[in-house]
PDB file of all heavy atoms in Angstrom:
ATOM      1  N   TYR A   1     160.851-154.180  31.391  1.00  0.00           N
ATOM      2  CA  TYR A   1     161.782-153.148  31.875  1.00  0.00           C
ATOM      3  C   TYR A   1     163.058-153.790  32.409  1.00  0.00           C
ATOM      4  O   TYR A   1     164.162-153.278  32.174  1.00  0.00           O
ATOM      5  CB  TYR A   1     161.119-152.316  32.970  1.00  0.00           C
ATOM      6  CG  TYR A   1     161.992-151.188  33.456  1.00  0.00           C
ATOM      7  CD1 TYR A   1     162.176-150.045  32.686  1.00  0.00           C
ATOM      8  CD2 TYR A   1     162.662-151.281  34.680  1.00  0.00           C
ATOM      9  CE1 TYR A   1     162.992-149.017  33.123  1.00  0.00           C
ATOM     10  CE2 TYR A   1     163.479-150.255  35.121  1.00  0.00           C
ATOM     11  CZ  TYR A   1     163.636-149.123  34.334  1.00  0.00           C
ATOM     12  OH  TYR A   1     164.458-148.113  34.768  1.00  0.00           O
ATOM     13  N   ARG A   2     162.919-154.907  33.124  1.00  0.00           N
ATOM     14  CA  ARG A   2     164.101-155.607  33.647  1.00  0.00           C
ATOM     15  C   ARG A   2     164.996-156.078  32.504  1.00  0.00           C
ATOM     16  O   ARG A   2     166.228-155.942  32.567  1.00  0.00           O
ATOM     17  CB  ARG A   2     163.660-156.790  34.509  1.00  0.00           C
ATOM     18  CG  ARG A   2     164.812-157.526  35.178  1.00  0.00           C
ATOM     19  CD  ARG A   2     164.305-158.765  35.905  1.00  0.00           C
ATOM     20  NE  ARG A   2     165.395-159.447  36.563  1.00  0.00           N
ATOM     21  CZ  ARG A   2     165.712-159.321  37.849  1.00  0.00           C
ATOM     22  NH1 ARG A   2     165.002-158.522  38.628  1.00  0.00           N
ATOM     23  NH2 ARG A   2     166.727-159.988  38.378  1.00  0.00           N
ATOM     24  N   GLU A   3     164.377-156.610  31.452  1.00  0.00           N
ATOM     25  CA  GLU A   3     165.149-157.052  30.301  1.00  0.00           C
ATOM     26  C   GLU A   3     165.872-155.880  29.632  1.00  0.00           C
ATOM     27  O   GLU A   3     167.046-155.972  29.270  1.00  0.00           O
ATOM     28  CB  GLU A   3     164.217-157.734  29.289  1.00  0.00           C
ATOM     29  CG  GLU A   3     164.936-158.323  28.090  1.00  0.00           C
ATOM     30  CD  GLU A   3     163.970-159.004  27.129  1.00  0.00           C
ATOM     31  OE1 GLU A   3     162.779-159.183  27.508  1.00  0.00           O
ATOM     32  OE2 GLU A   3     164.397-159.354  26.006  1.00  0.00           O
ATOM     33  N   TYR A   4     165.165-154.746  29.486  1.00  0.00           N
ATOM     34  CA  TYR A   4     165.760-153.548  28.901  1.00  0.00           C
ATOM     35  C   TYR A   4     166.889-153.010  29.789  1.00  0.00           C
ATOM     36  O   TYR A   4     167.950-152.596  29.302  1.00  0.00           O
ATOM     37  CB  TYR A   4     164.698-152.469  28.710  1.00  0.00           C
ATOM     38  CG  TYR A   4     165.249-151.108  28.385  1.00  0.00           C
ATOM     39  CD1 TYR A   4     165.835-150.843  27.154  1.00  0.00           C
ATOM     40  CD2 TYR A   4     165.208-150.074  29.336  1.00  0.00           C
ATOM     41  CE1 TYR A   4     166.360-149.586  26.871  1.00  0.00           C
ATOM     42  CE2 TYR A   4     165.724-148.828  29.062  1.00  0.00           C
ATOM     43  CZ  TYR A   4     166.307-148.588  27.830  1.00  0.00           C
ATOM     44  OH  TYR A   4     166.832-147.351  27.550  1.00  0.00           O
ATOM     45  N   TYR A   5     166.678-153.065  31.099  1.00  0.00           N
ATOM     46  CA  TYR A   5     167.664-152.560  32.056  1.00  0.00           C
ATOM     47  C   TYR A   5     168.975-153.331  31.933  1.00  0.00           C
ATOM     48  O   TYR A   5     170.064-152.743  31.870  1.00  0.00           O
ATOM     49  CB  TYR A   5     167.101-152.667  33.476  1.00  0.00           C
ATOM     50  CG  TYR A   5     167.896-151.928  34.512  1.00  0.00           C
ATOM     51  CD1 TYR A   5     167.575-150.626  34.858  1.00  0.00           C
ATOM     52  CD2 TYR A   5     168.970-152.532  35.158  1.00  0.00           C
ATOM     53  CE1 TYR A   5     168.299-149.941  35.817  1.00  0.00           C
ATOM     54  CE2 TYR A   5     169.708-151.862  36.114  1.00  0.00           C
ATOM     55  CZ  TYR A   5     169.354-150.562  36.438  1.00  0.00           C
ATOM     56  OH  TYR A   5     170.087-149.883  37.379  1.00  0.00           O
ATOM     57  N   TYR A   6     168.880-154.668  31.889  1.00  0.00           N
ATOM     58  CA  TYR A   6     170.088-155.481  31.764  1.00  0.00           C
ATOM     59  C   TYR A   6     170.754-155.273  30.411  1.00  0.00           C
ATOM     60  O   TYR A   6     171.979-155.337  30.291  1.00  0.00           O
ATOM     61  CB  TYR A   6     169.757-156.957  31.979  1.00  0.00           C
ATOM     62  CG  TYR A   6     169.785-157.351  33.438  1.00  0.00           C
ATOM     63  CD1 TYR A   6     168.662-157.176  34.243  1.00  0.00           C
ATOM     64  CD2 TYR A   6     170.935-157.881  34.016  1.00  0.00           C
ATOM     65  CE1 TYR A   6     168.683-157.527  35.590  1.00  0.00           C
ATOM     66  CE2 TYR A   6     170.974-158.237  35.344  1.00  0.00           C
ATOM     67  CZ  TYR A   6     169.842-158.056  36.136  1.00  0.00           C
ATOM     68  OH  TYR A   6     169.882-158.393  37.465  1.00  0.00           O
ATOM     69  N   TRP A   7     169.946-155.021  29.372  1.00  0.00           N
ATOM     70  CA  TRP A   7     170.515-154.742  28.049  1.00  0.00           C
ATOM     71  C   TRP A   7     171.371-153.475  28.097  1.00  0.00           C
ATOM     72  O   TRP A   7     172.446-153.413  27.486  1.00  0.00           O
ATOM     73  CB  TRP A   7     169.403-154.589  27.024  1.00  0.00           C
ATOM     74  CG  TRP A   7     169.922-154.270  25.654  1.00  0.00           C
ATOM     75  CD1 TRP A   7     170.271-155.146  24.673  1.00  0.00           C
ATOM     76  CD2 TRP A   7     170.156-152.951  25.112  1.00  0.00           C
ATOM     77  NE1 TRP A   7     170.720-154.484  23.560  1.00  0.00           N
ATOM     78  CE2 TRP A   7     170.663-153.119  23.794  1.00  0.00           C
ATOM     79  CE3 TRP A   7     169.992-151.662  25.600  1.00  0.00           C
ATOM     80  CZ2 TRP A   7     171.001-152.052  22.989  1.00  0.00           C
ATOM     81  CZ3 TRP A   7     170.343-150.592  24.798  1.00  0.00           C
ATOM     82  CH2 TRP A   7     170.833-150.799  23.509  1.00  0.00           C
ATOM     83  N   CYS A   8     170.917-152.453  28.849  1.00  0.00           N
ATOM     84  CA  CYS A   8     171.679-151.200  28.964  1.00  0.00           C
ATOM     85  C   CYS A   8     173.053-151.453  29.580  1.00  0.00           C
ATOM     86  O   CYS A   8     174.064-150.885  29.137  1.00  0.00           O
ATOM     87  CB  CYS A   8     170.908-150.180  29.805  1.00  0.00           C
ATOM     88  SG  CYS A   8     169.403-149.576  29.022  1.00  0.00           S
ATOM     89  N   PHE A   9     173.101-152.310  30.597  1.00  0.00           N
ATOM     90  CA  PHE A   9     174.381-152.592  31.245  1.00  0.00           C
ATOM     91  C   PHE A   9     175.274-153.472  30.379  1.00  0.00           C
ATOM     92  O   PHE A   9     176.502-153.381  30.455  1.00  0.00           O
ATOM     93  CB  PHE A   9     174.145-153.264  32.604  1.00  0.00           C
ATOM     94  CG  PHE A   9     174.008-152.291  33.731  1.00  0.00           C
ATOM     95  CD1 PHE A   9     172.812-151.617  33.936  1.00  0.00           C
ATOM     96  CD2 PHE A   9     175.066-152.023  34.566  1.00  0.00           C
ATOM     97  CE1 PHE A   9     172.682-150.703  34.964  1.00  0.00           C
ATOM     98  CE2 PHE A   9     174.955-151.106  35.602  1.00  0.00           C
ATOM     99  CZ  PHE A   9     173.764-150.449  35.799  1.00  0.00           C
ATOM    100  N   GLU A  10     174.667-154.320  29.557  1.00  0.00           N
ATOM    101  CA  GLU A  10     175.466-155.171  28.671  1.00  0.00           C
ATOM    102  C   GLU A  10     175.975-154.409  27.454  1.00  0.00           C
ATOM    103  O   GLU A  10     176.942-154.836  26.816  1.00  0.00           O
ATOM    104  CB  GLU A  10     174.620-156.370  28.215  1.00  0.00           C
ATOM    105  CG  GLU A  10     174.302-157.350  29.338  1.00  0.00           C
ATOM    106  CD  GLU A  10     173.244-158.360  28.920  1.00  0.00           C
ATOM    107  OE1 GLU A  10     172.799-158.290  27.745  1.00  0.00           O
ATOM    108  OE2 GLU A  10     172.858-159.198  29.753  1.00  0.00           O
ATOM    109  N   HIS A  11     175.335-153.289  27.127  1.00  0.00           N
ATOM    110  CA  HIS A  11     175.738-152.482  25.970  1.00  0.00           C
ATOM    111  C   HIS A  11     175.931-151.031  26.398  1.00  0.00           C
ATOM    112  O   HIS A  11     175.184-150.134  25.973  1.00  0.00           O
ATOM    113  CB  HIS A  11     174.688-152.560  24.850  1.00  0.00           C
ATOM    114  CG  HIS A  11     174.416-153.954  24.377  1.00  0.00           C
ATOM    115  ND1 HIS A  11     173.539-154.799  25.017  1.00  0.00           N
ATOM    116  CD2 HIS A  11     174.934-154.658  23.329  1.00  0.00           C
ATOM    117  CE1 HIS A  11     173.507-155.949  24.383  1.00  0.00           C
ATOM    118  NE2 HIS A  11     174.339-155.901  23.367  1.00  0.00           N
ATOM    119  N   PRO A  12     176.911-150.765  27.280  1.00  0.00           N
ATOM    120  CA  PRO A  12     177.121-149.378  27.728  1.00  0.00           C
ATOM    121  C   PRO A  12     177.626-148.497  26.598  1.00  0.00           C
ATOM    122  O   PRO A  12     178.343-148.950  25.706  1.00  0.00           O
ATOM    123  CB  PRO A  12     178.174-149.529  28.832  1.00  0.00           C
ATOM    124  CG  PRO A  12     178.909-150.767  28.475  1.00  0.00           C
ATOM    125  CD  PRO A  12     177.907-151.681  27.842  1.00  0.00           C
ATOM    126  N   ARG A  13     177.232-147.240  26.641  1.00  0.00           N
ATOM    127  CA  ARG A  13     177.721-146.262  25.673  1.00  0.00           C
ATOM    128  C   ARG A  13     178.907-145.536  26.285  1.00  0.00           C
ATOM    129  O   ARG A  13     178.846-145.065  27.415  1.00  0.00           O
ATOM    130  CB  ARG A  13     176.621-145.257  25.322  1.00  0.00           C
ATOM    131  CG  ARG A  13     175.447-145.881  24.566  1.00  0.00           C
ATOM    132  CD  ARG A  13     174.298-144.897  24.447  1.00  0.00           C
ATOM    133  NE  ARG A  13     174.711-143.678  23.779  1.00  0.00           N
ATOM    134  CZ  ARG A  13     174.053-142.519  23.873  1.00  0.00           C
ATOM    135  NH1 ARG A  13     172.971-142.424  24.631  1.00  0.00           N
ATOM    136  NH2 ARG A  13     174.480-141.457  23.241  1.00  0.00           N
ATOM    137  N   GLU A  14     179.992-145.465  25.535  1.00  0.00           N
ATOM    138  CA  GLU A  14     181.216-144.853  26.046  1.00  0.00           C
ATOM    139  C   GLU A  14     181.088-143.331  26.016  1.00  0.00           C
ATOM    140  O   GLU A  14     181.645-142.655  25.158  1.00  0.00           O
ATOM    141  CB  GLU A  14     182.412-145.317  25.216  1.00  0.00           C
ATOM    142  CG  GLU A  14     182.672-146.808  25.286  1.00  0.00           C
ATOM    143  CD  GLU A  14     183.265-147.216  26.631  1.00  0.00           C
ATOM    144  OE1 GLU A  14     183.829-146.352  27.312  1.00  0.00           O
ATOM    145  OE2 GLU A  14     183.142-148.396  26.985  1.00  0.00           O
ATOM    146  N   ILE A  15     180.324-142.792  26.978  1.00  0.00           N
ATOM    147  CA  ILE A  15     180.140-141.343  27.081  1.00  0.00           C
ATOM    148  C   ILE A  15     180.991-140.827  28.233  1.00  0.00           C
ATOM    149  O   ILE A  15     180.873-141.329  29.346  1.00  0.00           O
ATOM    150  CB  ILE A  15     178.660-140.984  27.325  1.00  0.00           C
ATOM    151  CG1 ILE A  15     177.824-141.432  26.119  1.00  0.00           C
ATOM    152  CG2 ILE A  15     178.486-139.501  27.564  1.00  0.00           C
ATOM    153  CD1 ILE A  15     176.367-141.174  26.270  1.00  0.00           C
ATOM    154  N   PRO A  16     181.856-139.831  28.020  1.00  0.00           N
ATOM    155  CA  PRO A  16     182.702-139.330  29.105  1.00  0.00           C
ATOM    156  C   PRO A  16     181.867-138.788  30.251  1.00  0.00           C
ATOM    157  O   PRO A  16     180.805-138.213  30.045  1.00  0.00           O
ATOM    158  CB  PRO A  16     183.517-138.210  28.442  1.00  0.00           C
ATOM    159  CG  PRO A  16     183.442-138.492  26.988  1.00  0.00           C
ATOM    160  CD  PRO A  16     182.120-139.140  26.754  1.00  0.00           C
ATOM    161  N   THR A  17     182.355-138.978  31.488  1.00  0.00           N
ATOM    162  CA  THR A  17     181.670-138.424  32.651  1.00  0.00           C
ATOM    163  C   THR A  17     181.939-136.934  32.732  1.00  0.00           C
ATOM    164  O   THR A  17     182.753-136.390  32.006  1.00  0.00           O
ATOM    165  CB  THR A  17     182.158-139.107  33.939  1.00  0.00           C
ATOM    166  OG1 THR A  17     183.570-138.907  34.047  1.00  0.00           O
ATOM    167  CG2 THR A  17     181.867-140.589  33.901  1.00  0.00           C
ATOM    168  N   HIS A  18     181.247-136.271  33.685  1.00  0.00           N
ATOM    169  CA  HIS A  18     181.344-134.820  33.777  1.00  0.00           C
ATOM    170  C   HIS A  18     182.634-134.373  34.442  1.00  0.00           C
ATOM    171  O   HIS A  18     182.915-133.196  34.528  1.00  0.00           O
ATOM    172  CB  HIS A  18     180.163-134.262  34.567  1.00  0.00           C
ATOM    173  CG  HIS A  18     180.138-134.699  36.001  1.00  0.00           C
ATOM    174  ND1 HIS A  18     179.907-136.001  36.361  1.00  0.00           N
ATOM    175  CD2 HIS A  18     180.332-134.022  37.149  1.00  0.00           C
ATOM    176  CE1 HIS A  18     179.936-136.103  37.681  1.00  0.00           C
ATOM    177  NE2 HIS A  18     180.195-134.921  38.184  1.00  0.00           N
ATOM    178  N   TYR A  19     183.447-135.301  34.972  1.00  0.00           N
ATOM    179  CA  TYR A  19     184.709-134.919  35.584  1.00  0.00           C
ATOM    180  C   TYR A  19     185.843-135.697  34.919  1.00  0.00           C
ATOM    181  O   TYR A  19     185.749-136.871  34.630  1.00  0.00           O
ATOM    182  CB  TYR A  19     184.712-135.193  37.091  1.00  0.00           C
ATOM    183  CG  TYR A  19     184.323-136.601  37.473  1.00  0.00           C
ATOM    184  CD1 TYR A  19     185.271-137.610  37.598  1.00  0.00           C
ATOM    185  CD2 TYR A  19     182.983-136.917  37.674  1.00  0.00           C
ATOM    186  CE1 TYR A  19     184.908-138.883  37.936  1.00  0.00           C
ATOM    187  CE2 TYR A  19     182.610-138.208  38.010  1.00  0.00           C
ATOM    188  CZ  TYR A  19     183.584-139.180  38.147  1.00  0.00           C
ATOM    189  OH  TYR A  19     183.222-140.455  38.483  1.00  0.00           O
ATOM    190  N   ASN A  20     186.932-134.978  34.650  1.00  0.00           N
ATOM    191  CA  ASN A  20     188.175-135.569  34.120  1.00  0.00           C
ATOM    192  C   ASN A  20     188.028-136.223  32.747  1.00  0.00           C
ATOM    193  O   ASN A  20     188.957-136.838  32.264  1.00  0.00           O
ATOM    194  CB  ASN A  20     188.747-136.616  35.090  1.00  0.00           C
ATOM    195  CG  ASN A  20     189.100-135.999  36.417  1.00  0.00           C
ATOM    196  OD1 ASN A  20     189.371-134.816  36.492  1.00  0.00           O
ATOM    197  ND2 ASN A  20     189.076-136.784  37.466  1.00  0.00           N
ATOM    198  N   GLY A  21     186.833-136.151  32.133  1.00  0.00           N
ATOM    199  CA  GLY A  21     186.644-136.759  30.824  1.00  0.00           C
ATOM    200  C   GLY A  21     186.904-138.255  30.827  1.00  0.00           C
ATOM    201  O   GLY A  21     187.295-138.824  29.825  1.00  0.00           O
ATOM    202  N   SER A  22     186.698-138.918  31.964  1.00  0.00           N
ATOM    203  CA  SER A  22     187.013-140.338  32.061  1.00  0.00           C
ATOM    204  C   SER A  22     185.766-141.187  31.885  1.00  0.00           C
ATOM    205  O   SER A  22     184.651-140.684  31.903  1.00  0.00           O
ATOM    206  CB  SER A  22     187.640-140.642  33.427  1.00  0.00           C
ATOM    207  OG  SER A  22     186.692-140.426  34.448  1.00  0.00           O
ATOM    208  N   ASN A  23     185.965-142.489  31.715  1.00  0.00           N
ATOM    209  CA  ASN A  23     184.863-143.451  31.660  1.00  0.00           C
ATOM    210  C   ASN A  23     184.957-144.360  32.879  1.00  0.00           C
ATOM    211  O   ASN A  23     184.948-145.571  32.777  1.00  0.00           O
ATOM    212  CB  ASN A  23     184.945-144.283  30.376  1.00  0.00           C
ATOM    213  CG  ASN A  23     184.712-143.435  29.150  1.00  0.00           C
ATOM    214  OD1 ASN A  23     183.710-142.753  29.054  1.00  0.00           O
ATOM    215  ND2 ASN A  23     185.648-143.449  28.232  1.00  0.00           N
ATOM    216  N   TYR A  24     185.054-143.754  34.057  1.00  0.00           N
ATOM    217  CA  TYR A  24     185.409-144.501  35.266  1.00  0.00           C
ATOM    218  C   TYR A  24     184.434-145.630  35.555  1.00  0.00           C
ATOM    219  O   TYR A  24     184.826-146.773  35.702  1.00  0.00           O
ATOM    220  CB  TYR A  24     185.466-143.554  36.459  1.00  0.00           C
ATOM    221  CG  TYR A  24     185.622-144.279  37.772  1.00  0.00           C
ATOM    222  CD1 TYR A  24     186.856-144.827  38.131  1.00  0.00           C
ATOM    223  CD2 TYR A  24     184.554-144.451  38.620  1.00  0.00           C
ATOM    224  CE1 TYR A  24     187.014-145.511  39.308  1.00  0.00           C
ATOM    225  CE2 TYR A  24     184.705-145.136  39.807  1.00  0.00           C
ATOM    226  CZ  TYR A  24     185.940-145.660  40.154  1.00  0.00           C
ATOM    227  OH  TYR A  24     186.073-146.338  41.320  1.00  0.00           O
ATOM    228  N   TYR A  25     183.137-145.310  35.627  1.00  0.00           N
ATOM    229  CA  TYR A  25     182.193-146.330  36.057  1.00  0.00           C
ATOM    230  C   TYR A  25     182.047-147.450  35.030  1.00  0.00           C
ATOM    231  O   TYR A  25     181.914-148.605  35.384  1.00  0.00           O
ATOM    232  CB  TYR A  25     180.825-145.703  36.341  1.00  0.00           C
ATOM    233  CG  TYR A  25     180.793-144.966  37.658  1.00  0.00           C
ATOM    234  CD1 TYR A  25     180.589-143.608  37.708  1.00  0.00           C
ATOM    235  CD2 TYR A  25     180.989-145.649  38.852  1.00  0.00           C
ATOM    236  CE1 TYR A  25     180.567-142.938  38.910  1.00  0.00           C
ATOM    237  CE2 TYR A  25     180.978-144.987  40.058  1.00  0.00           C
ATOM    238  CZ  TYR A  25     180.762-143.626  40.089  1.00  0.00           C
ATOM    239  OH  TYR A  25     180.759-142.973  41.275  1.00  0.00           O
ATOM    240  N   ILE A  26     182.074-147.093  33.755  1.00  0.00           N
ATOM    241  CA  ILE A  26     181.971-148.133  32.728  1.00  0.00           C
ATOM    242  C   ILE A  26     183.192-149.038  32.784  1.00  0.00           C
ATOM    243  O   ILE A  26     183.094-150.252  32.825  1.00  0.00           O
ATOM    244  CB  ILE A  26     181.828-147.494  31.332  1.00  0.00           C
ATOM    245  CG1 ILE A  26     180.509-146.717  31.241  1.00  0.00           C
ATOM    246  CG2 ILE A  26     181.897-148.553  30.250  1.00  0.00           C
ATOM    247  CD1 ILE A  26     180.333-145.965  29.966  1.00  0.00           C
TER     248      ILE A  26
END
C-alpha cells in the first residue's frame, strides 16, 4: 500500500478541483 500510495503522488491525474476549475494542490 505504501508503494502504491507513493506511486499515486508521483503520477497525479490532472483532474480539476471542485472550485474555480483549478489544479491548485497538484
